[in-house]
Amino acid sequence: MISEKLKKGKLLIAEPSIIGDLSFNRSVILLADHDKKGSVGFIINKPLKYTINDLIPDIKANLKIYNGGPVEQDNLYFIHNVPDLIPNSIEISNGIYWGGEYEKTKELINAGKIDKNNIRFFLGYTGWDEDQLETEMAESSWIIAQNNYQNKIIGKSSSQFWKKQIMELGGDYLIWINAPENPNYN
């Protein structure tokens, strides 16, 4: 296991042993907040079949929507790397920000000043109550990793992102690189 400390801005990589959990199997989560009261994160590698224009017709862009997690999936959230353009954003770390003024964000997207390399939208989020994430860490459900991409993580491709993270871990994890997502297919 990687000996990183839990804190916002880190990546949580689902252990290969998480099988059958549709939300978390092969997930990579950006930890957006973590304190003694709990944690919040967004799954960054699970695109949905929707674009932002499908959900909000006023936004004239084809930005993908991602499954942020199983909590409040009827709400839309976003992270970005342009805090100078989007007022009232909350810094996560490494130049990554969460939320901000929605109307201004919509205006900037429609004007072409923000694109897929600057913003990512999520339906729902991943949340843990007090000590819940620590318990899952003790059960070896997650690997904590440094976000080496910093604010460029927003524009990274998602389809192979878990596999890439597992490759970077190396060692015993490499056996999982070519394993099917559903082990029954093996």
Protein backbone atom coordinates (compact mmCIF):
# COMPACT_ATOMS: atom_id res chain seq x y z
CA MET A 1 0.00 0.00 0.00
CA ILE A 2 1.17 3.52 -0.75
CA SER A 3 2.02 5.44 2.41
CA GLU A 4 0.41 8.75 1.54
CA LYS A 5 -1.70 10.66 4.02
CA LEU A 6 -5.40 11.36 3.43
CA LYS A 7 -5.93 14.99 2.50
CA LYS A 8 -7.76 16.97 -0.13
CA GLY A 9 -6.16 16.97 -3.54
CA LYS A 10 -4.97 13.36 -3.29
CA LEU A 11 -6.22 10.59 -5.54
CA LEU A 12 -7.98 7.52 -4.21
CA ILE A 13 -7.43 4.57 -6.48
CA ALA A 14 -9.84 1.67 -6.03
CA GLU A 15 -8.05 -1.51 -5.05
CA PRO A 16 -8.45 -4.19 -7.74
CA SER A 17 -10.29 -6.26 -5.13
CA ILE A 18 -13.31 -3.91 -5.31
CA ILE A 19 -15.40 -6.04 -7.65
CA GLY A 20 -19.11 -5.83 -8.30
CA ASP A 21 -19.53 -2.32 -6.92
CA LEU A 22 -20.76 -0.34 -9.94
CA SER A 23 -19.78 3.02 -8.45
CA PHE A 24 -16.31 2.18 -7.22
CA ASN A 25 -14.99 -0.75 -9.27
CA ARG A 26 -11.90 0.62 -11.06
CA SER A 27 -12.57 4.17 -9.88
CA VAL A 28 -10.12 7.00 -9.38
CA ILE A 29 -11.44 9.67 -7.03
CA LEU A 30 -10.13 13.19 -6.58
CA LEU A 31 -10.49 13.94 -2.88
CA ALA A 32 -12.04 17.42 -2.84
CA ASP A 33 -12.35 17.80 0.93
CA HIS A 34 -11.21 15.85 3.97
CA ASP A 35 -11.38 16.70 7.64
CA LYS A 36 -12.40 15.07 10.91
CA LYS A 37 -16.11 15.44 10.00
CA GLY A 38 -15.82 13.45 6.78
CA SER A 39 -14.69 13.48 3.18
CA VAL A 40 -15.98 14.45 -0.28
CA GLY A 41 -14.61 13.39 -3.63
CA PHE A 42 -15.45 13.05 -7.30
CA ILE A 43 -14.93 9.94 -9.43
CA ILE A 44 -12.92 11.35 -12.31
CA ASN A 45 -12.81 8.38 -14.67
CA LYS A 46 -16.44 7.34 -15.18
CA PRO A 47 -18.00 9.32 -18.04
CA LEU A 48 -21.74 9.07 -18.50
CA LYS A 49 -23.55 9.07 -21.84
CA TYR A 50 -24.64 12.69 -21.33
CA THR A 51 -23.11 16.02 -22.24
CA ILE A 52 -23.70 19.26 -20.41
CA ASN A 53 -25.96 20.39 -23.26
CA ASP A 54 -28.17 17.32 -22.75
CA LEU A 55 -28.80 18.34 -19.15
CA ILE A 56 -28.69 22.13 -19.48
CA PRO A 57 -29.77 23.20 -22.98
CA ASP A 58 -28.67 26.80 -22.24
CA ILE A 59 -25.06 25.64 -22.31
CA LYS A 60 -23.98 25.26 -25.91
CA ALA A 61 -21.12 22.79 -25.44
CA ASN A 62 -20.59 19.06 -25.64
CA LEU A 63 -18.65 18.69 -22.41
CA LYS A 64 -18.97 15.17 -20.99
CA ILE A 65 -20.76 14.58 -17.71
CA TYR A 66 -19.10 12.18 -15.27
CA ASN A 67 -20.53 10.01 -12.53
CA GLY A 68 -19.11 11.82 -9.50
CA GLY A 69 -20.37 9.21 -7.08
CA PRO A 70 -23.51 7.71 -5.59
CA VAL A 71 -24.49 10.67 -3.37
CA GLU A 72 -26.97 13.31 -4.64
CA GLN A 73 -26.89 12.14 -8.24
CA ASP A 74 -29.62 14.60 -9.11
CA ASN A 75 -27.20 17.50 -8.49
CA LEU A 76 -24.54 18.80 -10.85
CA TYR A 77 -21.07 19.69 -9.53
CA PHE A 78 -17.95 20.91 -11.25
CA ILE A 79 -14.22 21.28 -10.76
CA HIS A 80 -12.03 23.59 -12.81
CA ASN A 81 -8.62 25.19 -13.14
CA VAL A 82 -9.65 28.78 -13.95
CA PRO A 83 -10.35 30.50 -10.62
CA ASP A 84 -9.45 33.86 -12.14
CA LEU A 85 -12.49 33.47 -14.45
CA ILE A 86 -14.97 31.79 -12.07
CA PRO A 87 -15.58 33.80 -8.88
CA ASN A 88 -16.28 32.17 -5.50
CA SER A 89 -14.43 28.93 -6.27
CA ILE A 90 -13.00 26.80 -3.47
CA GLU A 91 -9.43 25.60 -3.91
CA ILE A 92 -8.94 21.86 -3.58
CA SER A 93 -5.17 21.91 -4.24
CA ASN A 94 -2.59 22.13 -7.02
CA GLY A 95 -4.62 24.72 -8.95
CA ILE A 96 -7.83 22.66 -8.92
CA TYR A 97 -10.99 24.42 -7.77
CA TRP A 98 -14.48 23.29 -6.87
CA GLY A 99 -17.62 25.19 -7.87
CA GLY A 100 -18.11 28.90 -8.22
CA GLU A 101 -20.67 31.22 -9.75
CA TYR A 102 -22.85 29.10 -12.01
CA GLU A 103 -24.20 31.90 -14.26
CA LYS A 104 -20.69 33.22 -14.90
CA THR A 105 -19.50 29.68 -15.64
CA LYS A 106 -22.32 29.15 -18.13
CA GLU A 107 -21.52 32.46 -19.83
CA LEU A 108 -17.80 31.59 -20.12
CA ILE A 109 -18.50 28.15 -21.59
CA ASN A 110 -20.91 29.61 -24.15
CA ALA A 111 -18.32 32.27 -25.08
CA GLY A 112 -15.73 29.52 -25.67
CA LYS A 113 -13.47 30.78 -22.85
CA ILE A 114 -13.69 27.50 -20.94
CA ASP A 115 -13.33 24.07 -22.54
CA LYS A 116 -12.83 20.41 -21.58
CA ASN A 117 -9.27 21.12 -20.42
CA ASN A 118 -10.57 23.67 -17.89
CA ILE A 119 -13.72 22.17 -16.40
CA ARG A 120 -15.31 18.82 -15.59
CA PHE A 121 -18.95 18.27 -14.60
CA PHE A 122 -20.24 15.51 -12.33
CA LEU A 123 -23.63 14.14 -11.42
CA GLY A 124 -23.35 13.34 -7.74
CA TYR A 125 -20.35 12.99 -5.53
CA THR A 126 -18.69 10.48 -3.27
CA GLY A 127 -19.00 11.14 0.43
CA TRP A 128 -17.83 9.57 3.64
CA ASP A 129 -18.99 10.30 7.18
CA GLU A 130 -16.60 10.82 10.07
CA ASP A 131 -13.95 8.05 10.13
CA GLN A 132 -15.70 6.11 7.33
CA LEU A 133 -12.92 6.68 4.78
CA GLU A 134 -10.28 5.78 7.37
CA THR A 135 -12.16 2.53 8.00
CA GLU A 136 -12.21 1.78 4.27
CA MET A 137 -8.48 2.54 4.13
CA ALA A 138 -7.87 0.08 6.97
CA GLU A 139 -9.86 -2.52 4.98
CA SER A 140 -7.53 -1.89 1.99
CA SER A 141 -10.31 -0.62 -0.27
CA TRP A 142 -8.32 2.37 -1.52
CA ILE A 143 -4.79 3.32 -2.42
CA ILE A 144 -3.84 6.94 -1.74
CA ALA A 145 -1.71 8.52 -4.45
CA GLN A 146 -0.28 11.92 -5.19
CA ASN A 147 -2.03 13.82 -7.99
CA ASN A 148 1.01 14.21 -10.23
CA TYR A 149 -1.13 15.82 -12.94
CA GLN A 150 -2.07 18.73 -10.67
CA ASN A 151 -4.66 20.96 -12.41
CA LYS A 152 -4.17 19.22 -15.78
CA ILE A 153 -6.02 16.19 -14.42
CA ILE A 154 -9.24 17.86 -15.59
CA GLY A 155 -8.40 17.32 -19.26
CA LYS A 156 -7.05 13.79 -18.90
CA SER A 157 -8.75 10.97 -20.74
CA SER A 158 -10.86 8.86 -18.48
CA SER A 159 -11.33 5.50 -20.16
CA GLN A 160 -7.92 4.08 -19.20
CA PHE A 161 -7.14 6.28 -16.19
CA TRP A 162 -7.54 3.58 -13.51
CA LYS A 163 -5.36 1.20 -15.51
CA LYS A 164 -2.71 3.90 -15.93
CA GLN A 165 -2.68 4.56 -12.19
CA ILE A 166 -2.33 0.84 -11.45
CA MET A 167 0.59 0.66 -13.91
CA GLU A 168 2.30 3.53 -12.09
CA LEU A 169 1.95 1.64 -8.80
CA GLY A 170 3.80 -1.30 -10.35
CA GLY A 171 4.78 -4.38 -8.36
CA ASP A 172 1.98 -6.80 -7.49
CA TYR A 173 -0.59 -4.45 -9.05
CA LEU A 174 0.68 -5.11 -12.58
CA ILE A 175 -1.15 -8.45 -12.69
CA TRP A 176 -4.43 -6.48 -12.80
CA ILE A 177 -3.57 -4.46 -15.93
CA ASN A 178 -5.08 -6.90 -18.41
CA ALA A 179 -7.64 -8.54 -16.15
CA PRO A 180 -11.24 -8.10 -17.31
CA GLU A 181 -13.34 -5.65 -15.32
CA ASN A 182 -15.73 -8.47 -14.55
CA PRO A 183 -13.68 -11.51 -13.42
CA ASN A 184 -16.46 -13.85 -14.64
CA TYR A 185 -15.26 -13.02 -18.17
CA ASN A 186 -11.85 -14.48 -17.44
